[in-house]
Amino acid sequence: MLAFEYGRRATQGAREYQEDAATVKPGAAAEDRAPADGCRDLIAVLADGMGGHTGGALASKMICDRFIVSFGKTDGAVAKKLLNSLEESNAAIARQIAADPVLSGMGSTVVGVAFSNEGVEWVSVGDSPLLLYRRGEVALLNEDHSLAPELDRMAAAGQITKEQARQDPRRHMLRSAVTGEELDLIDLSRKPLVLEDGDYVILASDGLHTLRTNEIERIISAYATDGAEAVASALIRSVEAMRDPHQDNATVIAVRAFEA
């Protein structure tokens, strides 16, 4: 039987304001368990807002709050609950913009993840990565709805260099986001991904992309035995240590699976 423990950390980076939001809600049964025992199930949501200090921060917080509430109220399969939570979050943004047109243009990415003994299931829109760390290696679980994948394909084909692809200013342009309009692209897991003892699942905003994949692998490997809080803290410390003058907000939720 798997249990889960989590850690959450964020940095504002070089930005004047924070547009990321993140929420984790353990299952009701966790209230009767000691913290060291973890929880049998949980829902984690991370959103990276856009639209400036007011709009972006409001959008990401609204989405996280609405997602958690909707997930708890929806009956049925986990995939249905995730998709309904996304749709209700999008509708909440639409209502907010209709009530205050000054906020037109606000929106957010979102990645919502459900953990249980069956595994991990998710829904995502935008470019906030969902990563699986297993036995020293990191894999991207969800689709990237930015222009980054296309630029990387051009680099693989020799049309541009890998460094040009990495530095291209269009790299973080979104092809889909939660803006209250029809959702152009949605990534919904087809079935639970079974987790193993010692696995880490990382939800992050795209500010984590300051670190290359091999560096993320190294950091998680170094702190994996110390727990999710240590991993989340180490990842954010490493982002800050890069001292990128254009560093975006970066937020991380680290979830560790272990045998209870």
C-alpha atoms as a PDB file:
ATOM      1  CA  MET A   1       0.000   0.000   0.000  1.00  0.00           C
ATOM      2  CA  LEU A   2       1.476   3.324  -1.075  1.00  0.00           C
ATOM      3  CA  ALA A   3       1.377   6.523   0.935  1.00  0.00           C
ATOM      4  CA  PHE A   4       2.394  10.029  -0.080  1.00  0.00           C
ATOM      5  CA  GLU A   5       4.159  12.968   1.493  1.00  0.00           C
ATOM      6  CA  TYR A   6       4.700  16.342  -0.155  1.00  0.00           C
ATOM      7  CA  GLY A   7       6.671  19.563  -0.036  1.00  0.00           C
ATOM      8  CA  ARG A   8       5.967  22.919  -1.647  1.00  0.00           C
ATOM      9  CA  ARG A   9       8.353  25.809  -2.338  1.00  0.00           C
ATOM     10  CA  ALA A  10       8.395  28.930  -4.526  1.00  0.00           C
ATOM     11  CA  THR A  11      10.568  31.855  -5.540  1.00  0.00           C
ATOM     12  CA  GLN A  12       9.574  35.158  -7.097  1.00  0.00           C
ATOM     13  CA  GLY A  13      12.734  35.152  -9.183  1.00  0.00           C
ATOM     14  CA  ALA A  14      13.573  38.419 -10.916  1.00  0.00           C
ATOM     15  CA  ARG A  15       9.912  39.392 -11.271  1.00  0.00           C
ATOM     16  CA  GLU A  16       8.322  42.220  -9.314  1.00  0.00           C
ATOM     17  CA  TYR A  17       5.368  40.057  -8.367  1.00  0.00           C
ATOM     18  CA  GLN A  18       4.350  36.439  -7.916  1.00  0.00           C
ATOM     19  CA  GLU A  19       1.816  34.985 -10.392  1.00  0.00           C
ATOM     20  CA  ASP A  20       2.206  31.322  -9.421  1.00  0.00           C
ATOM     21  CA  ALA A  21      -0.168  29.546  -7.055  1.00  0.00           C
ATOM     22  CA  ALA A  22      -0.115  25.999  -5.693  1.00  0.00           C
ATOM     23  CA  THR A  23      -2.427  23.989  -3.449  1.00  0.00           C
ATOM     24  CA  VAL A  24      -2.246  20.484  -2.014  1.00  0.00           C
ATOM     25  CA  LYS A  25      -5.152  18.785  -0.268  1.00  0.00           C
ATOM     26  CA  PRO A  26      -4.615  15.410   1.428  1.00  0.00           C
ATOM     27  CA  GLY A  27      -7.494  12.959   1.570  1.00  0.00           C
ATOM     28  CA  ALA A  28      -9.833  13.105   4.554  1.00  0.00           C
ATOM     29  CA  ALA A  29      -8.299   9.938   6.037  1.00  0.00           C
ATOM     30  CA  ALA A  30      -4.973  11.757   6.451  1.00  0.00           C
ATOM     31  CA  GLU A  31      -6.402  13.656   9.430  1.00  0.00           C
ATOM     32  CA  ASP A  32      -6.216  10.472  11.490  1.00  0.00           C
ATOM     33  CA  ARG A  33      -2.625   9.653  10.576  1.00  0.00           C
ATOM     34  CA  ALA A  34       0.705  10.881  11.917  1.00  0.00           C
ATOM     35  CA  PRO A  35       2.607  13.168   9.471  1.00  0.00           C
ATOM     36  CA  ALA A  36       5.396  10.600   9.097  1.00  0.00           C
ATOM     37  CA  ASP A  37       2.832   8.064   7.873  1.00  0.00           C
ATOM     38  CA  GLY A  38       1.930  10.253   4.899  1.00  0.00           C
ATOM     39  CA  CYS A  39      -1.510  10.121   3.328  1.00  0.00           C
ATOM     40  CA  ARG A  40      -3.260   7.490   1.221  1.00  0.00           C
ATOM     41  CA  ASP A  41      -4.447   9.972  -1.381  1.00  0.00           C
ATOM     42  CA  LEU A  42      -4.143  13.634  -2.242  1.00  0.00           C
ATOM     43  CA  ILE A  43      -4.906  16.191  -4.938  1.00  0.00           C
ATOM     44  CA  ALA A  44      -2.287  18.755  -5.989  1.00  0.00           C
ATOM     45  CA  VAL A  45      -2.838  21.764  -8.255  1.00  0.00           C
ATOM     46  CA  LEU A  46      -0.318  24.246  -9.613  1.00  0.00           C
ATOM     47  CA  ALA A  47      -1.134  27.282 -11.756  1.00  0.00           C
ATOM     48  CA  ASP A  48       1.132  29.845 -13.447  1.00  0.00           C
ATOM     49  CA  GLY A  49      -0.841  33.040 -14.000  1.00  0.00           C
ATOM     50  CA  MET A  50      -0.598  35.580 -16.784  1.00  0.00           C
ATOM     51  CA  GLY A  51      -2.010  39.052 -17.084  1.00  0.00           C
ATOM     52  CA  GLY A  52       0.158  41.072 -14.751  1.00  0.00           C
ATOM     53  CA  HIS A  53       0.269  41.506 -10.994  1.00  0.00           C
ATOM     54  CA  THR A  54      -3.505  41.731 -10.523  1.00  0.00           C
ATOM     55  CA  GLY A  55      -4.837  39.504 -13.287  1.00  0.00           C
ATOM     56  CA  GLY A  56      -2.220  36.752 -13.246  1.00  0.00           C
ATOM     57  CA  ALA A  57      -2.091  36.370  -9.481  1.00  0.00           C
ATOM     58  CA  LEU A  58      -5.882  36.371  -9.241  1.00  0.00           C
ATOM     59  CA  ALA A  59      -6.302  33.861 -12.071  1.00  0.00           C
ATOM     60  CA  SER A  60      -3.842  31.329 -10.657  1.00  0.00           C
ATOM     61  CA  LYS A  61      -5.315  31.531  -7.144  1.00  0.00           C
ATOM     62  CA  MET A  62      -8.890  31.278  -8.435  1.00  0.00           C
ATOM     63  CA  ILE A  63      -8.030  28.225 -10.511  1.00  0.00           C
ATOM     64  CA  CYS A  64      -6.313  26.401  -7.650  1.00  0.00           C
ATOM     65  CA  ASP A  65      -9.164  27.150  -5.247  1.00  0.00           C
ATOM     66  CA  ARG A  66     -11.938  26.252  -7.698  1.00  0.00           C
ATOM     67  CA  PHE A  67     -10.162  23.086  -8.857  1.00  0.00           C
ATOM     68  CA  ILE A  68      -9.858  21.698  -5.334  1.00  0.00           C
ATOM     69  CA  VAL A  69     -13.477  22.474  -4.462  1.00  0.00           C
ATOM     70  CA  SER A  70     -14.823  21.043  -7.716  1.00  0.00           C
ATOM     71  CA  PHE A  71     -12.775  17.859  -7.419  1.00  0.00           C
ATOM     72  CA  GLY A  72     -14.198  17.199  -3.961  1.00  0.00           C
ATOM     73  CA  LYS A  73     -17.780  17.724  -5.099  1.00  0.00           C
ATOM     74  CA  THR A  74     -17.668  15.680  -8.305  1.00  0.00           C
ATOM     75  CA  ASP A  75     -18.653  12.024  -8.309  1.00  0.00           C
ATOM     76  CA  GLY A  76     -17.372   9.332 -10.639  1.00  0.00           C
ATOM     77  CA  ALA A  77     -14.033   8.271 -12.050  1.00  0.00           C
ATOM     78  CA  VAL A  78     -10.924  10.313 -11.300  1.00  0.00           C
ATOM     79  CA  ALA A  79     -10.529  11.346 -14.952  1.00  0.00           C
ATOM     80  CA  LYS A  80     -14.063  12.736 -14.938  1.00  0.00           C
ATOM     81  CA  LYS A  81     -13.384  14.612 -11.687  1.00  0.00           C
ATOM     82  CA  LEU A  82     -10.178  16.120 -13.094  1.00  0.00           C
ATOM     83  CA  LEU A  83     -11.781  17.233 -16.338  1.00  0.00           C
ATOM     84  CA  ASN A  84     -14.824  18.680 -14.581  1.00  0.00           C
ATOM     85  CA  SER A  85     -12.561  20.570 -12.165  1.00  0.00           C
ATOM     86  CA  LEU A  86     -10.675  22.061 -15.107  1.00  0.00           C
ATOM     87  CA  GLU A  87     -13.879  23.091 -16.859  1.00  0.00           C
ATOM     88  CA  GLU A  88     -15.301  24.685 -13.716  1.00  0.00           C
ATOM     89  CA  SER A  89     -12.039  26.568 -13.173  1.00  0.00           C
ATOM     90  CA  ASN A  90     -12.207  27.893 -16.725  1.00  0.00           C
ATOM     91  CA  ALA A  91     -15.833  28.927 -16.210  1.00  0.00           C
ATOM     92  CA  ALA A  92     -14.877  30.765 -13.009  1.00  0.00           C
ATOM     93  CA  ILE A  93     -12.312  32.805 -14.967  1.00  0.00           C
ATOM     94  CA  ALA A  94     -14.961  33.635 -17.583  1.00  0.00           C
ATOM     95  CA  ARG A  95     -17.369  34.861 -14.902  1.00  0.00           C
ATOM     96  CA  GLN A  96     -14.670  36.983 -13.260  1.00  0.00           C
ATOM     97  CA  ILE A  97     -13.780  38.673 -16.543  1.00  0.00           C
ATOM     98  CA  ALA A  98     -17.458  39.274 -17.346  1.00  0.00           C
ATOM     99  CA  ALA A  99     -17.912  40.913 -13.932  1.00  0.00           C
ATOM    100  CA  ASP A 100     -14.762  43.037 -14.278  1.00  0.00           C
ATOM    101  CA  PRO A 101     -13.774  43.616 -17.958  1.00  0.00           C
ATOM    102  CA  VAL A 102     -10.583  45.338 -16.806  1.00  0.00           C
ATOM    103  CA  LEU A 103      -9.285  41.818 -16.137  1.00  0.00           C
ATOM    104  CA  SER A 104      -9.759  40.785 -19.774  1.00  0.00           C
ATOM    105  CA  GLY A 105      -6.654  38.916 -20.902  1.00  0.00           C
ATOM    106  CA  MET A 106      -5.939  37.285 -17.575  1.00  0.00           C
ATOM    107  CA  GLY A 107      -5.463  33.555 -17.486  1.00  0.00           C
ATOM    108  CA  SER A 108      -3.219  30.768 -16.293  1.00  0.00           C
ATOM    109  CA  THR A 109      -1.699  27.417 -17.007  1.00  0.00           C
ATOM    110  CA  VAL A 110      -2.811  24.594 -14.747  1.00  0.00           C
ATOM    111  CA  VAL A 111      -1.719  21.099 -13.849  1.00  0.00           C
ATOM    112  CA  GLY A 112      -3.996  19.132 -11.546  1.00  0.00           C
ATOM    113  CA  VAL A 113      -2.853  15.754 -10.238  1.00  0.00           C
ATOM    114  CA  ALA A 114      -4.656  13.067  -8.232  1.00  0.00           C
ATOM    115  CA  PHE A 115      -2.612  10.539  -6.227  1.00  0.00           C
ATOM    116  CA  SER A 116      -3.974   7.256  -4.897  1.00  0.00           C
ATOM    117  CA  ASN A 117      -2.885   3.660  -4.462  1.00  0.00           C
ATOM    118  CA  GLU A 118      -4.012   3.140  -8.071  1.00  0.00           C
ATOM    119  CA  GLY A 119      -1.319   5.560  -9.219  1.00  0.00           C
ATOM    120  CA  VAL A 120      -1.238   9.113 -10.476  1.00  0.00           C
ATOM    121  CA  GLU A 121      -3.686  10.770 -12.884  1.00  0.00           C
ATOM    122  CA  TRP A 122      -3.599  14.296 -14.222  1.00  0.00           C
ATOM    123  CA  VAL A 123      -5.072  17.009 -16.398  1.00  0.00           C
ATOM    124  CA  SER A 124      -3.077  19.976 -17.655  1.00  0.00           C
ATOM    125  CA  VAL A 125      -3.292  23.012 -19.904  1.00  0.00           C
ATOM    126  CA  GLY A 126      -0.256  25.105 -20.792  1.00  0.00           C
ATOM    127  CA  ASP A 127       3.440  24.542 -20.201  1.00  0.00           C
ATOM    128  CA  SER A 128       3.691  23.800 -16.478  1.00  0.00           C
ATOM    129  CA  PRO A 129       5.651  20.514 -16.408  1.00  0.00           C
ATOM    130  CA  LEU A 130       4.668  17.351 -14.581  1.00  0.00           C
ATOM    131  CA  LEU A 131       7.751  15.213 -14.002  1.00  0.00           C
ATOM    132  CA  LEU A 132       8.303  11.664 -12.815  1.00  0.00           C
ATOM    133  CA  TYR A 133      11.577  10.833 -11.081  1.00  0.00           C
ATOM    134  CA  ARG A 134      12.346   7.125 -10.883  1.00  0.00           C
ATOM    135  CA  ARG A 135      15.675   5.457 -10.153  1.00  0.00           C
ATOM    136  CA  GLY A 136      17.798   8.449 -11.047  1.00  0.00           C
ATOM    137  CA  GLU A 137      15.987   9.559 -14.205  1.00  0.00           C
ATOM    138  CA  VAL A 138      13.371  12.220 -14.925  1.00  0.00           C
ATOM    139  CA  ALA A 139      10.607  11.933 -17.533  1.00  0.00           C
ATOM    140  CA  LEU A 140       8.005  14.493 -18.597  1.00  0.00           C
ATOM    141  CA  LEU A 141       4.509  13.080 -18.090  1.00  0.00           C
ATOM    142  CA  ASN A 142       2.267  15.766 -19.572  1.00  0.00           C
ATOM    143  CA  GLU A 143       2.167  17.578 -22.897  1.00  0.00           C
ATOM    144  CA  ASP A 144       3.884  20.946 -23.303  1.00  0.00           C
ATOM    145  CA  HIS A 145       1.411  23.389 -24.851  1.00  0.00           C
ATOM    146  CA  SER A 146       4.056  26.010 -25.669  1.00  0.00           C
ATOM    147  CA  LEU A 147       6.202  26.464 -28.777  1.00  0.00           C
ATOM    148  CA  ALA A 148       9.131  24.740 -27.051  1.00  0.00           C
ATOM    149  CA  PRO A 149       8.438  21.255 -28.491  1.00  0.00           C
ATOM    150  CA  GLU A 150       8.327  22.629 -32.042  1.00  0.00           C
ATOM    151  CA  LEU A 151      11.614  24.497 -31.562  1.00  0.00           C
ATOM    152  CA  ASP A 152      13.186  21.324 -30.172  1.00  0.00           C
ATOM    153  CA  ARG A 153      11.962  19.379 -33.198  1.00  0.00           C
ATOM    154  CA  MET A 154      13.588  21.987 -35.467  1.00  0.00           C
ATOM    155  CA  ALA A 155      16.837  21.569 -33.539  1.00  0.00           C
ATOM    156  CA  ALA A 156      16.652  17.766 -33.851  1.00  0.00           C
ATOM    157  CA  ALA A 157      16.176  18.164 -37.607  1.00  0.00           C
ATOM    158  CA  GLY A 158      19.238  20.399 -37.846  1.00  0.00           C
ATOM    159  CA  GLN A 159      17.280  23.483 -38.859  1.00  0.00           C
ATOM    160  CA  ILE A 160      18.533  25.394 -35.826  1.00  0.00           C
ATOM    161  CA  THR A 161      21.031  24.612 -33.082  1.00  0.00           C
ATOM    162  CA  LYS A 162      20.023  23.255 -29.680  1.00  0.00           C
ATOM    163  CA  GLU A 163      21.215  26.482 -28.071  1.00  0.00           C
ATOM    164  CA  GLN A 164      19.142  28.563 -30.496  1.00  0.00           C
ATOM    165  CA  ALA A 165      16.116  26.475 -29.614  1.00  0.00           C
ATOM    166  CA  ARG A 166      16.769  26.937 -25.893  1.00  0.00           C
ATOM    167  CA  GLN A 167      17.275  30.717 -26.162  1.00  0.00           C
ATOM    168  CA  ASP A 168      14.503  31.498 -28.670  1.00  0.00           C
ATOM    169  CA  PRO A 169      12.231  34.204 -27.148  1.00  0.00           C
ATOM    170  CA  ARG A 170       9.179  32.442 -28.593  1.00  0.00           C
ATOM    171  CA  ARG A 171       9.925  29.312 -26.593  1.00  0.00           C
ATOM    172  CA  HIS A 172       7.461  30.094 -23.819  1.00  0.00           C
ATOM    173  CA  MET A 173       4.615  31.331 -26.029  1.00  0.00           C
ATOM    174  CA  LEU A 174       1.525  29.335 -25.087  1.00  0.00           C
ATOM    175  CA  ARG A 175      -0.701  27.461 -27.526  1.00  0.00           C
ATOM    176  CA  SER A 176      -3.326  26.857 -24.834  1.00  0.00           C
ATOM    177  CA  ALA A 177      -4.202  28.386 -21.458  1.00  0.00           C
ATOM    178  CA  VAL A 178      -7.130  28.723 -19.066  1.00  0.00           C
ATOM    179  CA  THR A 179      -8.566  32.127 -20.035  1.00  0.00           C
ATOM    180  CA  GLY A 180     -12.319  31.646 -19.796  1.00  0.00           C
ATOM    181  CA  GLU A 181     -12.499  30.908 -23.525  1.00  0.00           C
ATOM    182  CA  GLU A 182     -12.745  27.498 -25.180  1.00  0.00           C
ATOM    183  CA  LEU A 183      -9.755  25.385 -24.224  1.00  0.00           C
ATOM    184  CA  ASP A 184      -7.689  24.700 -27.351  1.00  0.00           C
ATOM    185  CA  LEU A 185      -5.524  21.905 -25.935  1.00  0.00           C
ATOM    186  CA  ILE A 186      -6.064  19.673 -22.904  1.00  0.00           C
ATOM    187  CA  ASP A 187      -3.782  16.874 -21.717  1.00  0.00           C
ATOM    188  CA  LEU A 188      -5.738  14.244 -19.770  1.00  0.00           C
ATOM    189  CA  SER A 189      -4.088  11.024 -18.610  1.00  0.00           C
ATOM    190  CA  ARG A 190      -5.709   7.955 -20.142  1.00  0.00           C
ATOM    191  CA  LYS A 191      -5.304   5.720 -17.086  1.00  0.00           C
ATOM    192  CA  PRO A 192      -3.502   5.774 -13.733  1.00  0.00           C
ATOM    193  CA  LEU A 193       0.280   5.638 -13.933  1.00  0.00           C
ATOM    194  CA  VAL A 194       1.321   3.096 -11.321  1.00  0.00           C
ATOM    195  CA  LEU A 195       3.901   4.483  -8.914  1.00  0.00           C
ATOM    196  CA  GLU A 196       6.698   2.647  -7.148  1.00  0.00           C
ATOM    197  CA  ASP A 197       8.237   3.028  -3.727  1.00  0.00           C
ATOM    198  CA  GLY A 198      10.704   5.920  -3.910  1.00  0.00           C
ATOM    199  CA  ASP A 199       9.179   7.637  -6.928  1.00  0.00           C
ATOM    200  CA  TYR A 200       8.851  11.416  -6.931  1.00  0.00           C
ATOM    201  CA  VAL A 201       6.270  13.347  -8.920  1.00  0.00           C
ATOM    202  CA  ILE A 202       7.111  17.011  -9.457  1.00  0.00           C
ATOM    203  CA  LEU A 203       4.565  19.676 -10.403  1.00  0.00           C
ATOM    204  CA  ALA A 204       6.262  22.915 -11.418  1.00  0.00           C
ATOM    205  CA  SER A 205       5.775  26.235 -13.124  1.00  0.00           C
ATOM    206  CA  ASP A 206       7.924  26.860 -16.180  1.00  0.00           C
ATOM    207  CA  GLY A 207      10.403  28.849 -14.078  1.00  0.00           C
ATOM    208  CA  LEU A 208      11.949  25.476 -13.246  1.00  0.00           C
ATOM    209  CA  HIS A 209      13.167  25.268 -16.865  1.00  0.00           C
ATOM    210  CA  THR A 210      16.141  27.368 -15.767  1.00  0.00           C
ATOM    211  CA  LEU A 211      17.538  24.002 -14.667  1.00  0.00           C
ATOM    212  CA  ARG A 212      18.407  21.406 -17.295  1.00  0.00           C
ATOM    213  CA  THR A 213      16.960  17.927 -16.959  1.00  0.00           C
ATOM    214  CA  ASN A 214      20.245  16.353 -15.858  1.00  0.00           C
ATOM    215  CA  GLU A 215      20.571  18.964 -13.112  1.00  0.00           C
ATOM    216  CA  ILE A 216      17.034  18.245 -11.876  1.00  0.00           C
ATOM    217  CA  GLU A 217      17.918  14.537 -11.818  1.00  0.00           C
ATOM    218  CA  ARG A 218      21.080  15.246  -9.833  1.00  0.00           C
ATOM    219  CA  ILE A 219      19.261  17.394  -7.270  1.00  0.00           C
ATOM    220  CA  ILE A 220      16.440  14.937  -6.666  1.00  0.00           C
ATOM    221  CA  SER A 221      18.904  12.043  -6.412  1.00  0.00           C
ATOM    222  CA  ALA A 222      20.925  13.936  -3.813  1.00  0.00           C
ATOM    223  CA  TYR A 223      17.934  14.743  -1.598  1.00  0.00           C
ATOM    224  CA  ALA A 224      15.512  11.882  -2.334  1.00  0.00           C
ATOM    225  CA  THR A 225      16.097  10.077   0.953  1.00  0.00           C
ATOM    226  CA  ASP A 226      15.531  13.306   2.904  1.00  0.00           C
ATOM    227  CA  GLY A 227      11.926  13.598   1.768  1.00  0.00           C
ATOM    228  CA  ALA A 228       9.688  15.789  -0.342  1.00  0.00           C
ATOM    229  CA  GLU A 229      10.255  19.010   1.610  1.00  0.00           C
ATOM    230  CA  ALA A 230      14.010  18.675   1.116  1.00  0.00           C
ATOM    231  CA  VAL A 231      13.632  17.979  -2.608  1.00  0.00           C
ATOM    232  CA  ALA A 232      11.311  20.946  -3.183  1.00  0.00           C
ATOM    233  CA  SER A 233      13.626  23.258  -1.229  1.00  0.00           C
ATOM    234  CA  ALA A 234      16.733  22.060  -3.069  1.00  0.00           C
ATOM    235  CA  LEU A 235      15.153  22.587  -6.486  1.00  0.00           C
ATOM    236  CA  ILE A 236      14.124  26.155  -5.689  1.00  0.00           C
ATOM    237  CA  ARG A 237      17.507  26.934  -4.094  1.00  0.00           C
ATOM    238  CA  SER A 238      19.194  25.740  -7.286  1.00  0.00           C
ATOM    239  CA  VAL A 239      16.968  27.946  -9.446  1.00  0.00           C
ATOM    240  CA  GLU A 240      17.856  30.957  -7.291  1.00  0.00           C
ATOM    241  CA  ALA A 241      21.558  30.040  -7.379  1.00  0.00           C
ATOM    242  CA  MET A 242      21.543  30.387 -11.187  1.00  0.00           C
ATOM    243  CA  ARG A 243      21.018  34.150 -10.705  1.00  0.00           C
ATOM    244  CA  ASP A 244      19.294  34.472 -14.065  1.00  0.00           C
ATOM    245  CA  PRO A 245      18.554  38.215 -14.527  1.00  0.00           C
ATOM    246  CA  HIS A 246      15.300  37.264 -16.260  1.00  0.00           C
ATOM    247  CA  GLN A 247      14.289  34.497 -13.866  1.00  0.00           C
ATOM    248  CA  ASP A 248      10.548  33.855 -13.943  1.00  0.00           C
ATOM    249  CA  ASN A 249       8.511  32.906 -10.891  1.00  0.00           C
ATOM    250  CA  ALA A 250       9.252  29.289 -10.041  1.00  0.00           C
ATOM    251  CA  THR A 251       7.073  27.038  -7.920  1.00  0.00           C
ATOM    252  CA  VAL A 252       7.488  23.352  -7.125  1.00  0.00           C
ATOM    253  CA  ILE A 253       5.293  20.731  -5.497  1.00  0.00           C
ATOM    254  CA  ALA A 254       7.251  17.536  -4.810  1.00  0.00           C
ATOM    255  CA  VAL A 255       5.305  14.379  -3.932  1.00  0.00           C
ATOM    256  CA  ARG A 256       7.091  11.229  -2.749  1.00  0.00           C
ATOM    257  CA  ALA A 257       5.490   7.793  -2.975  1.00  0.00           C
ATOM    258  CA  PHE A 258       6.547   5.220  -0.391  1.00  0.00           C
ATOM    259  CA  GLU A 259       5.413   1.902   1.020  1.00  0.00           C
ATOM    260  CA  ALA A 260       3.332   2.624   4.113  1.00  0.00           C
END
